[in-house]
N, C-alpha and C. Protein backbone atom coordinates (compact mmCIF):
# COMPACT_ATOMS: atom_id res chain seq x y z
N MET A 1 0.23 19.34 3.98
CA MET A 1 1.84 18.76 3.72
C MET A 1 1.16 17.19 3.39
N THR A 2 1.90 16.78 2.20
CA THR A 2 1.65 15.67 1.55
C THR A 2 2.46 14.55 2.46
N ARG A 3 1.95 13.69 2.76
CA ARG A 3 2.19 12.45 3.58
C ARG A 3 2.63 11.15 2.61
N ILE A 4 3.50 10.45 2.86
CA ILE A 4 3.65 9.10 2.21
C ILE A 4 3.10 8.08 3.06
N GLN A 5 2.11 7.42 2.73
CA GLN A 5 1.41 6.30 3.54
C GLN A 5 1.30 5.22 3.23
N TYR A 6 1.46 4.15 4.11
CA TYR A 6 1.50 2.67 3.38
C TYR A 6 0.02 2.32 3.93
N TYR A 7 -0.88 2.01 3.14
CA TYR A 7 -2.38 1.78 3.73
C TYR A 7 -2.42 0.20 2.89
N VAL A 8 -2.80 -0.33 4.19
CA VAL A 8 -2.77 -1.91 3.93
C VAL A 8 -3.78 -2.65 4.67
N ALA A 9 -4.18 -3.76 4.51
CA ALA A 9 -4.82 -4.84 5.34
C ALA A 9 -3.80 -6.14 5.86
N SER A 10 -3.82 -6.51 6.78
CA SER A 10 -2.96 -7.59 7.45
C SER A 10 -3.68 -8.49 8.05
N SER A 11 -3.27 -9.83 7.98
CA SER A 11 -3.75 -10.76 9.31
C SER A 11 -3.48 -10.43 10.45
N LEU A 12 -3.74 -11.17 11.35
CA LEU A 12 -3.19 -11.02 12.72
C LEU A 12 -2.04 -11.08 12.88
N ASP A 13 -1.48 -12.08 12.37
CA ASP A 13 -0.10 -12.57 12.34
C ASP A 13 1.02 -11.87 11.47
N GLY A 14 0.26 -10.67 10.73
CA GLY A 14 1.53 -9.92 9.79
C GLY A 14 1.61 -10.19 8.45
N PHE A 15 0.78 -10.76 7.92
CA PHE A 15 0.63 -11.42 6.37
C PHE A 15 -0.18 -10.30 5.69
N ILE A 16 0.26 -9.99 4.37
CA ILE A 16 -0.67 -9.14 3.65
C ILE A 16 -0.95 -9.96 2.49
N ALA A 17 -0.49 -11.19 1.92
CA ALA A 17 -1.05 -12.15 1.10
C ALA A 17 -0.58 -13.49 1.51
N ASP A 18 -1.23 -14.46 1.02
CA ASP A 18 -1.00 -15.90 1.20
C ASP A 18 0.38 -16.04 0.66
N GLU A 19 1.11 -17.11 0.65
CA GLU A 19 2.33 -17.68 0.26
C GLU A 19 2.20 -17.77 -1.56
N HIS A 20 1.08 -17.71 -2.08
CA HIS A 20 0.77 -17.77 -3.51
C HIS A 20 0.71 -16.46 -4.01
N ASP A 21 0.46 -15.14 -3.14
CA ASP A 21 0.32 -13.88 -3.42
C ASP A 21 -1.34 -13.55 -3.24
N GLY A 22 -2.19 -14.78 -3.20
CA GLY A 22 -3.47 -14.69 -2.80
C GLY A 22 -3.99 -13.85 -1.82
N LEU A 23 -5.33 -13.29 -1.88
CA LEU A 23 -5.96 -12.43 -1.15
C LEU A 23 -7.27 -13.13 -0.81
N GLU A 24 -7.78 -14.30 -0.99
CA GLU A 24 -8.96 -15.06 -0.74
C GLU A 24 -9.31 -14.71 0.76
N TRP A 25 -8.29 -15.03 1.57
CA TRP A 25 -8.18 -14.58 3.04
C TRP A 25 -8.82 -13.25 3.49
N LEU A 26 -8.55 -12.30 2.89
CA LEU A 26 -8.98 -11.06 2.99
C LEU A 26 -10.45 -10.67 2.36
N LEU A 27 -10.72 -11.29 1.12
CA LEU A 27 -11.80 -11.12 0.16
C LEU A 27 -12.98 -11.90 0.90
N GLN A 28 -12.75 -12.64 1.87
CA GLN A 28 -13.78 -13.53 2.27
C GLN A 28 -14.83 -12.46 3.30
N PHE A 29 -14.12 -11.50 3.69
CA PHE A 29 -14.89 -10.52 4.64
C PHE A 29 -15.83 -9.52 3.76
N GLY A 30 -15.67 -9.33 2.59
CA GLY A 30 -16.60 -8.46 1.65
C GLY A 30 -15.87 -7.02 2.11
N MET A 31 -16.64 -6.13 1.41
CA MET A 31 -16.12 -4.67 1.34
C MET A 31 -17.30 -3.79 2.42
N ALA A 32 -18.47 -4.60 2.57
CA ALA A 32 -19.62 -3.73 3.33
C ALA A 32 -18.94 -2.79 4.75
N ASP A 33 -18.19 -3.20 5.58
CA ASP A 33 -17.57 -2.67 6.62
C ASP A 33 -16.48 -1.53 6.12
N PHE A 34 -15.92 -1.33 5.07
CA PHE A 34 -14.65 -0.87 4.73
C PHE A 34 -14.93 0.28 3.75
N THR A 35 -16.15 0.16 2.58
CA THR A 35 -16.35 0.88 1.64
C THR A 35 -16.09 2.51 1.77
N ASP A 36 -16.89 2.98 2.93
CA ASP A 36 -16.84 4.32 3.29
C ASP A 36 -15.48 4.76 3.71
N HIS A 37 -15.04 3.99 4.67
CA HIS A 37 -13.65 4.24 4.93
C HIS A 37 -12.40 4.49 4.13
N TYR A 38 -12.55 3.41 3.16
CA TYR A 38 -11.71 3.54 1.91
C TYR A 38 -12.07 4.67 1.34
N GLU A 39 -13.10 4.97 0.73
CA GLU A 39 -13.35 6.09 0.01
C GLU A 39 -12.86 7.72 0.60
N ARG A 40 -13.10 7.71 1.99
CA ARG A 40 -12.64 8.62 2.37
C ARG A 40 -11.08 8.80 2.49
N PHE A 41 -10.09 7.82 2.51
CA PHE A 41 -8.70 7.62 2.30
C PHE A 41 -8.64 7.78 0.92
N PHE A 42 -9.25 7.23 -0.03
CA PHE A 42 -8.84 7.19 -1.48
C PHE A 42 -8.96 8.91 -1.90
N ALA A 43 -9.76 9.53 -1.42
CA ALA A 43 -10.03 10.85 -1.84
C ALA A 43 -8.73 11.76 -1.51
N SER A 44 -7.97 11.30 -0.49
CA SER A 44 -7.10 12.28 -0.15
C SER A 44 -5.61 11.55 -0.93
N VAL A 45 -5.69 10.79 -1.97
CA VAL A 45 -4.73 10.31 -2.40
C VAL A 45 -4.44 11.10 -3.93
N GLY A 46 -3.44 11.52 -4.16
CA GLY A 46 -2.92 12.27 -5.34
C GLY A 46 -1.98 11.55 -6.04
N ALA A 47 -1.25 10.27 -5.72
CA ALA A 47 -0.36 9.54 -6.36
C ALA A 47 -0.21 8.30 -5.76
N LEU A 48 0.36 7.12 -6.36
CA LEU A 48 0.28 5.99 -5.92
C LEU A 48 1.87 5.26 -6.11
N VAL A 49 2.42 4.28 -5.23
CA VAL A 49 3.51 3.69 -5.55
C VAL A 49 3.08 2.29 -5.47
N LEU A 50 3.47 1.38 -6.32
CA LEU A 50 3.37 -0.43 -5.84
C LEU A 50 4.35 -0.91 -6.49
N GLY A 51 4.75 -2.22 -6.24
CA GLY A 51 5.79 -3.12 -6.75
C GLY A 51 4.82 -3.69 -7.87
N ALA A 52 5.70 -4.74 -8.63
CA ALA A 52 5.48 -5.09 -9.94
C ALA A 52 4.37 -6.33 -9.50
N THR A 53 4.51 -7.14 -8.45
CA THR A 53 3.53 -8.26 -8.12
C THR A 53 2.47 -7.73 -7.67
N THR A 54 2.43 -6.57 -6.71
CA THR A 54 0.86 -5.81 -6.45
C THR A 54 0.16 -5.32 -8.11
N TYR A 55 1.36 -4.82 -8.78
CA TYR A 55 0.59 -4.36 -9.76
C TYR A 55 -0.10 -5.38 -10.61
N GLU A 56 0.45 -6.48 -11.07
CA GLU A 56 0.00 -7.45 -11.66
C GLU A 56 -1.12 -7.92 -11.01
N TRP A 57 -1.08 -8.22 -9.86
CA TRP A 57 -2.22 -8.77 -8.99
C TRP A 57 -3.50 -7.94 -9.44
N VAL A 58 -3.34 -6.41 -9.25
CA VAL A 58 -4.56 -5.56 -9.78
C VAL A 58 -4.91 -5.89 -11.05
N LEU A 59 -3.95 -5.64 -11.83
CA LEU A 59 -4.49 -6.02 -13.49
C LEU A 59 -5.20 -7.38 -13.47
N ARG A 60 -4.70 -8.06 -12.79
CA ARG A 60 -5.43 -9.61 -13.22
C ARG A 60 -6.61 -9.75 -12.52
N GLU A 61 -6.53 -9.18 -11.10
CA GLU A 61 -7.76 -9.63 -10.28
C GLU A 61 -8.60 -8.54 -10.02
N GLY A 62 -8.28 -7.19 -10.32
CA GLY A 62 -9.06 -6.05 -9.91
C GLY A 62 -10.17 -5.74 -10.70
N GLY A 63 -10.56 -6.54 -12.38
CA GLY A 63 -11.46 -6.15 -13.20
C GLY A 63 -11.29 -5.11 -13.64
N GLY A 64 -10.09 -4.27 -14.03
CA GLY A 64 -9.92 -2.84 -14.57
C GLY A 64 -9.12 -2.38 -13.71
N TRP A 65 -8.14 -1.22 -14.39
CA TRP A 65 -7.41 -0.31 -13.37
C TRP A 65 -8.26 0.45 -12.18
N PRO A 66 -8.51 0.19 -11.02
CA PRO A 66 -9.26 1.04 -10.08
C PRO A 66 -8.81 2.50 -9.80
N TYR A 67 -7.58 3.02 -10.32
CA TYR A 67 -7.04 4.05 -9.64
C TYR A 67 -7.33 5.06 -10.51
N GLY A 68 -8.24 5.13 -12.13
CA GLY A 68 -8.30 6.50 -12.89
C GLY A 68 -6.88 6.60 -13.48
N GLY A 69 -6.75 7.93 -13.66
CA GLY A 69 -5.39 8.45 -14.07
C GLY A 69 -4.47 9.02 -13.15
N LEU A 70 -4.45 8.60 -11.83
CA LEU A 70 -3.70 8.90 -10.88
C LEU A 70 -2.22 8.67 -11.33
N PRO A 71 -1.41 9.43 -11.20
CA PRO A 71 -0.03 9.15 -11.49
C PRO A 71 0.37 7.83 -10.57
N THR A 72 1.18 6.84 -11.14
CA THR A 72 1.28 5.68 -10.21
C THR A 72 2.79 5.32 -10.63
N TRP A 73 3.53 4.97 -9.92
CA TRP A 73 4.95 4.49 -10.38
C TRP A 73 4.81 2.94 -9.83
N VAL A 74 5.44 2.18 -10.72
CA VAL A 74 5.38 0.82 -10.26
C VAL A 74 6.87 0.53 -10.31
N LEU A 75 7.38 -0.04 -9.35
CA LEU A 75 8.97 -0.30 -9.19
C LEU A 75 9.28 -1.69 -9.53
N THR A 76 10.01 -1.85 -10.74
CA THR A 76 10.05 -2.76 -11.44
C THR A 76 11.62 -2.63 -12.35
N HIS A 77 11.87 -4.04 -12.43
CA HIS A 77 12.89 -4.12 -13.76
C HIS A 77 12.89 -4.31 -15.04
N ARG A 78 11.42 -4.76 -15.05
CA ARG A 78 10.83 -5.21 -16.19
C ARG A 78 10.01 -4.37 -16.99
N ALA A 79 9.54 -4.63 -18.36
CA ALA A 79 8.80 -3.74 -19.29
C ALA A 79 7.36 -4.39 -18.72
N LEU A 80 6.46 -3.49 -18.67
CA LEU A 80 5.12 -4.06 -18.08
C LEU A 80 4.12 -2.94 -18.90
N GLU A 81 3.05 -3.73 -19.38
CA GLU A 81 1.98 -3.10 -20.17
C GLU A 81 1.07 -2.11 -19.22
N ALA A 82 0.83 -1.06 -19.65
CA ALA A 82 -0.12 -0.30 -18.75
C ALA A 82 -1.51 -0.16 -19.35
N PRO A 83 -2.69 -0.40 -18.61
CA PRO A 83 -3.87 -0.14 -19.03
C PRO A 83 -4.41 1.19 -19.50
N GLU A 84 -5.44 1.08 -20.72
CA GLU A 84 -5.72 2.24 -21.28
C GLU A 84 -6.28 3.28 -19.87
N GLY A 85 -5.88 4.27 -20.10
CA GLY A 85 -6.08 5.54 -19.37
C GLY A 85 -5.40 5.64 -17.95
N ALA A 86 -4.58 4.74 -17.81
CA ALA A 86 -3.61 4.84 -16.79
C ALA A 86 -2.42 5.62 -16.84
N ASP A 87 -2.05 6.49 -15.94
CA ASP A 87 -0.73 7.32 -15.90
C ASP A 87 0.12 6.43 -15.08
N ILE A 88 1.16 5.25 -15.98
CA ILE A 88 1.91 4.31 -15.08
C ILE A 88 3.26 4.86 -15.54
N ARG A 89 4.27 4.66 -14.68
CA ARG A 89 5.52 5.10 -14.65
C ARG A 89 6.18 3.95 -13.97
N LEU A 90 6.89 3.20 -14.97
CA LEU A 90 7.85 2.33 -14.56
C LEU A 90 9.14 2.83 -13.88
N ALA A 91 9.68 2.35 -12.88
CA ALA A 91 10.89 2.93 -12.23
C ALA A 91 11.48 2.01 -11.56
N SER A 92 12.91 1.96 -11.47
CA SER A 92 13.64 1.31 -10.54
C SER A 92 14.87 2.35 -9.90
N GLY A 93 15.82 1.88 -8.99
CA GLY A 93 16.72 2.83 -8.45
C GLY A 93 16.23 3.35 -7.17
N ASP A 94 17.00 4.62 -7.13
CA ASP A 94 16.91 5.32 -5.87
C ASP A 94 15.21 5.65 -5.30
N VAL A 95 15.10 5.00 -4.50
CA VAL A 95 13.63 5.14 -3.80
C VAL A 95 13.41 6.75 -3.24
N GLY A 96 14.20 7.38 -3.07
CA GLY A 96 14.29 8.64 -2.57
C GLY A 96 13.70 9.88 -3.76
N ALA A 97 14.07 9.27 -4.78
CA ALA A 97 14.15 10.20 -6.03
C ALA A 97 12.71 9.71 -6.49
N ILE A 98 12.24 8.46 -6.09
CA ILE A 98 11.02 8.06 -6.97
C ILE A 98 10.06 8.59 -5.75
N ALA A 99 10.47 8.78 -4.63
CA ALA A 99 9.55 9.50 -3.57
C ALA A 99 9.19 10.76 -3.82
N ASP A 100 10.38 11.71 -4.10
CA ASP A 100 10.27 13.03 -4.58
C ASP A 100 9.46 13.24 -5.71
N ALA A 101 9.27 12.28 -6.73
CA ALA A 101 8.55 12.52 -7.91
C ALA A 101 7.12 12.38 -7.49
N ALA A 102 6.78 11.39 -6.72
CA ALA A 102 5.58 11.06 -6.41
C ALA A 102 5.03 12.08 -5.72
N VAL A 103 5.47 12.71 -4.67
CA VAL A 103 5.24 13.83 -3.64
C VAL A 103 4.93 14.90 -4.73
N ALA A 104 5.56 15.38 -5.61
CA ALA A 104 5.42 16.40 -6.52
C ALA A 104 4.07 16.26 -7.15
N ALA A 105 3.95 15.17 -7.68
CA ALA A 105 2.71 14.69 -8.66
C ALA A 105 1.62 14.82 -7.52
N ALA A 106 1.62 14.53 -6.51
CA ALA A 106 0.48 14.40 -5.65
C ALA A 106 -0.28 15.71 -5.06
N GLY A 107 0.77 16.73 -5.63
CA GLY A 107 0.04 18.18 -5.08
C GLY A 107 -0.24 18.50 -3.55
N ASP A 108 -1.28 18.68 -3.46
CA ASP A 108 -1.77 19.07 -1.88
C ASP A 108 -2.29 17.65 -1.43
N ARG A 109 -2.32 16.68 -2.20
CA ARG A 109 -2.90 15.11 -1.78
C ARG A 109 -1.81 14.32 -1.33
N ASN A 110 -1.92 12.89 -0.66
CA ASN A 110 -1.23 12.30 -0.42
C ASN A 110 -0.60 11.11 -1.20
N VAL A 111 0.51 10.41 -0.92
CA VAL A 111 1.15 9.30 -1.78
C VAL A 111 0.60 8.11 -1.03
N TRP A 112 0.18 7.26 -1.65
CA TRP A 112 -0.41 5.67 -1.28
C TRP A 112 0.97 4.76 -1.73
N VAL A 113 1.41 4.32 -0.79
CA VAL A 113 2.26 3.17 -1.17
C VAL A 113 1.34 2.00 -0.96
N VAL A 114 0.84 1.48 -2.23
CA VAL A 114 0.03 0.33 -2.19
C VAL A 114 0.27 -0.94 -1.66
N GLY A 115 1.74 -1.21 -1.95
CA GLY A 115 2.11 -2.48 -1.74
C GLY A 115 3.40 -2.90 -2.84
N GLY A 116 3.79 -4.00 -2.52
CA GLY A 116 3.73 -4.84 -1.20
C GLY A 116 4.58 -4.58 -0.17
N GLY A 117 4.75 -5.44 0.83
CA GLY A 117 5.76 -5.00 1.93
C GLY A 117 7.07 -4.54 1.71
N PRO A 118 7.78 -5.42 0.74
CA PRO A 118 9.05 -4.84 0.23
C PRO A 118 9.25 -3.16 -0.19
N VAL A 119 8.24 -3.03 -1.09
CA VAL A 119 8.22 -1.60 -1.35
C VAL A 119 7.86 -0.51 -0.20
N ALA A 120 7.16 -0.85 0.63
CA ALA A 120 7.06 -0.11 1.95
C ALA A 120 8.53 -0.14 2.95
N ALA A 121 8.96 -1.31 2.93
CA ALA A 121 9.95 -1.48 3.66
C ALA A 121 11.24 -0.66 3.09
N GLN A 122 11.37 -0.42 1.83
CA GLN A 122 12.53 0.33 1.15
C GLN A 122 12.44 1.78 1.38
N PHE A 123 10.78 2.19 1.16
CA PHE A 123 10.49 3.62 1.64
C PHE A 123 10.90 3.88 3.10
N LEU A 124 10.46 2.98 3.94
CA LEU A 124 10.84 3.31 5.38
C LEU A 124 12.19 3.18 5.58
N ALA A 125 13.32 2.33 4.82
CA ALA A 125 14.57 2.47 5.02
C ALA A 125 15.29 3.74 4.57
N ALA A 126 14.46 4.09 3.69
CA ALA A 126 14.89 5.40 2.94
C ALA A 126 14.57 6.51 3.73
N GLY A 127 13.78 6.22 4.74
CA GLY A 127 13.22 7.65 5.67
C GLY A 127 12.23 8.23 4.92
N ARG A 128 11.28 7.65 3.97
CA ARG A 128 10.37 8.52 3.27
C ARG A 128 9.05 7.98 3.49
N LEU A 129 8.85 7.25 4.64
CA LEU A 129 7.58 6.84 4.80
C LEU A 129 7.12 7.28 6.12
N ASP A 130 6.06 8.36 6.12
CA ASP A 130 5.22 9.12 7.22
C ASP A 130 4.59 8.28 7.83
N GLU A 131 3.40 7.33 7.46
CA GLU A 131 2.27 6.79 8.39
C GLU A 131 2.12 5.56 7.71
N LEU A 132 1.61 4.50 8.57
CA LEU A 132 1.18 3.25 8.16
C LEU A 132 -0.23 3.24 8.63
N LEU A 133 -1.11 2.73 7.68
CA LEU A 133 -2.69 2.57 8.22
C LEU A 133 -2.55 0.98 7.91
N VAL A 134 -2.55 0.46 9.10
CA VAL A 134 -2.90 -1.20 9.02
C VAL A 134 -3.98 -1.59 9.57
N THR A 135 -4.79 -1.93 8.49
CA THR A 135 -6.41 -2.86 9.09
C THR A 135 -6.00 -4.24 9.44
N TYR A 136 -6.15 -4.55 10.64
CA TYR A 136 -5.81 -6.03 10.84
C TYR A 136 -7.28 -6.73 10.86
N MET A 137 -7.03 -7.71 10.08
CA MET A 137 -8.28 -8.46 10.14
C MET A 137 -8.52 -9.84 10.81
N PRO A 138 -9.48 -10.43 11.30
CA PRO A 138 -9.50 -11.16 12.16
C PRO A 138 -9.34 -12.88 11.92
N VAL A 139 -8.01 -12.71 11.19
CA VAL A 139 -7.62 -14.08 10.72
C VAL A 139 -6.12 -14.35 10.74
N ALA A 140 -5.60 -15.51 10.63
CA ALA A 140 -4.16 -15.79 10.88
C ALA A 140 -3.96 -16.69 9.93
N LEU A 141 -2.68 -16.39 9.14
CA LEU A 141 -2.78 -17.16 7.98
C LEU A 141 -1.55 -18.19 8.33
N GLY A 142 -0.50 -17.66 9.30
CA GLY A 142 0.49 -18.83 9.41
C GLY A 142 1.64 -18.47 8.68
N ARG A 143 1.46 -17.95 7.39
CA ARG A 143 2.75 -18.00 6.45
C ARG A 143 2.16 -17.00 5.59
N GLY A 144 2.99 -16.23 4.61
CA GLY A 144 2.63 -15.57 3.47
C GLY A 144 3.61 -14.30 3.11
N ARG A 145 3.31 -13.24 2.59
CA ARG A 145 3.76 -12.11 2.32
C ARG A 145 3.93 -11.62 3.78
N PRO A 146 4.81 -10.71 4.34
CA PRO A 146 5.02 -10.11 5.51
C PRO A 146 4.44 -8.64 5.22
N LEU A 147 3.91 -7.99 6.32
CA LEU A 147 3.38 -6.82 6.21
C LEU A 147 4.57 -5.76 6.09
N LEU A 148 5.77 -6.03 6.85
CA LEU A 148 6.67 -5.03 6.51
C LEU A 148 8.13 -5.60 6.83
N PRO A 149 8.51 -6.29 5.74
CA PRO A 149 9.74 -7.15 5.94
C PRO A 149 10.86 -6.22 6.10
N VAL A 150 11.42 -5.85 7.19
CA VAL A 150 12.27 -4.99 7.49
C VAL A 150 13.52 -5.86 8.00
N SER A 151 14.87 -5.73 7.54
CA SER A 151 15.93 -6.31 8.17
C SER A 151 16.87 -5.56 8.77
N ASP A 152 17.33 -4.32 8.56
CA ASP A 152 18.45 -3.62 9.00
C ASP A 152 17.93 -2.39 9.43
N VAL A 153 16.48 -2.33 9.64
CA VAL A 153 15.90 -0.95 10.15
C VAL A 153 14.90 -1.26 10.92
N THR A 154 14.74 -0.71 12.36
CA THR A 154 14.09 -0.91 13.34
C THR A 154 13.10 0.01 13.31
N PRO A 155 11.84 0.10 12.83
CA PRO A 155 11.47 1.51 12.98
C PRO A 155 10.81 1.68 14.25
N VAL A 156 10.59 3.33 14.42
CA VAL A 156 9.95 3.58 15.74
C VAL A 156 9.01 4.27 15.11
N LEU A 157 7.55 3.81 15.95
CA LEU A 157 6.38 3.94 15.58
C LEU A 157 5.43 4.53 16.78
N SER A 158 4.76 5.45 16.44
CA SER A 158 3.65 6.25 17.10
C SER A 158 2.02 5.86 16.80
N LEU A 159 1.43 5.08 17.75
CA LEU A 159 0.15 5.10 17.70
C LEU A 159 -0.53 6.28 17.40
N THR A 160 -1.37 6.67 16.30
CA THR A 160 -1.88 7.84 16.14
C THR A 160 -3.47 7.80 16.21
N GLY A 161 -3.76 6.61 15.56
CA GLY A 161 -5.53 6.45 15.79
C GLY A 161 -6.00 5.04 15.70
N VAL A 162 -7.17 4.70 16.17
CA VAL A 162 -7.54 3.55 16.29
C VAL A 162 -9.09 3.55 15.49
N THR A 163 -9.38 2.74 14.79
CA THR A 163 -10.89 2.60 14.08
C THR A 163 -11.27 1.17 13.93
N ARG A 164 -12.46 1.08 14.49
CA ARG A 164 -13.13 -0.22 14.48
C ARG A 164 -13.79 -0.36 13.15
N LEU A 165 -13.66 -1.32 12.42
CA LEU A 165 -14.32 -1.58 11.10
C LEU A 165 -15.11 -3.07 11.05
N GLY A 166 -16.14 -3.18 11.63
CA GLY A 166 -16.43 -4.45 11.94
C GLY A 166 -16.11 -5.00 12.73
N ASP A 167 -15.63 -6.33 12.13
CA ASP A 167 -14.54 -7.21 13.23
C ASP A 167 -12.89 -6.99 13.05
N ALA A 168 -12.98 -5.98 12.15
CA ALA A 168 -11.40 -5.67 11.96
C ALA A 168 -11.01 -4.13 12.60
N VAL A 169 -9.71 -3.82 12.88
CA VAL A 169 -9.18 -2.66 13.45
C VAL A 169 -8.31 -2.21 12.58
N GLU A 170 -8.40 -0.92 12.24
CA GLU A 170 -7.35 -0.08 11.56
C GLU A 170 -6.47 0.51 12.64
N HIS A 171 -4.99 0.35 12.57
CA HIS A 171 -4.20 1.25 13.61
C HIS A 171 -3.71 2.22 12.44
N VAL A 172 -3.24 3.37 13.07
CA VAL A 172 -2.35 4.57 12.15
C VAL A 172 -1.55 4.72 13.12
N TYR A 173 -0.12 4.61 12.25
CA TYR A 173 1.08 4.92 13.09
C TYR A 173 1.92 5.89 12.28
N ARG A 174 2.38 6.95 13.03
CA ARG A 174 3.19 7.78 12.37
C ARG A 174 4.76 7.11 12.67
N VAL A 175 5.61 7.29 11.69
CA VAL A 175 6.88 6.78 11.67
C VAL A 175 7.89 7.99 12.19
N GLY A 176 8.59 7.55 13.28
CA GLY A 176 9.70 8.60 13.88
C GLY A 176 9.19 8.95 15.27
């Protein structure tokens, strides 16, 4: 059964980017402790959803489009360029309809809500987020972009797994 998953790294104090949308705080840890874990996760992904800020960051900082031809929905109200070979679908409006389309495109694999926090919060508010996979990094930022900026939704989460990744810890939560 296809799950919609928010897979993300967070500071201990709940931020996924600094106040300038930077990830230097995360990148300082390198990928050695995370590569195998990430590759197993990514092998289960059949479609992606992300916001325009995350999309633009990936294009600017990622050294090329890292998600191949996976169908990708970018939540935006603007026209954005797509990299060669990427299956980019610009979308706005009803998150439920976007979730339905992403689930259909994912087939028997999962949908990864890449980010940011507002996108994950919209999926949560619409009742369309199944799991959070949050890797807490051993750093505190004090301010920045929140992990899950919810206002009128109080999510009920159940911890279903914990994995140590070097000095970081991934918590897996089921929603509901």
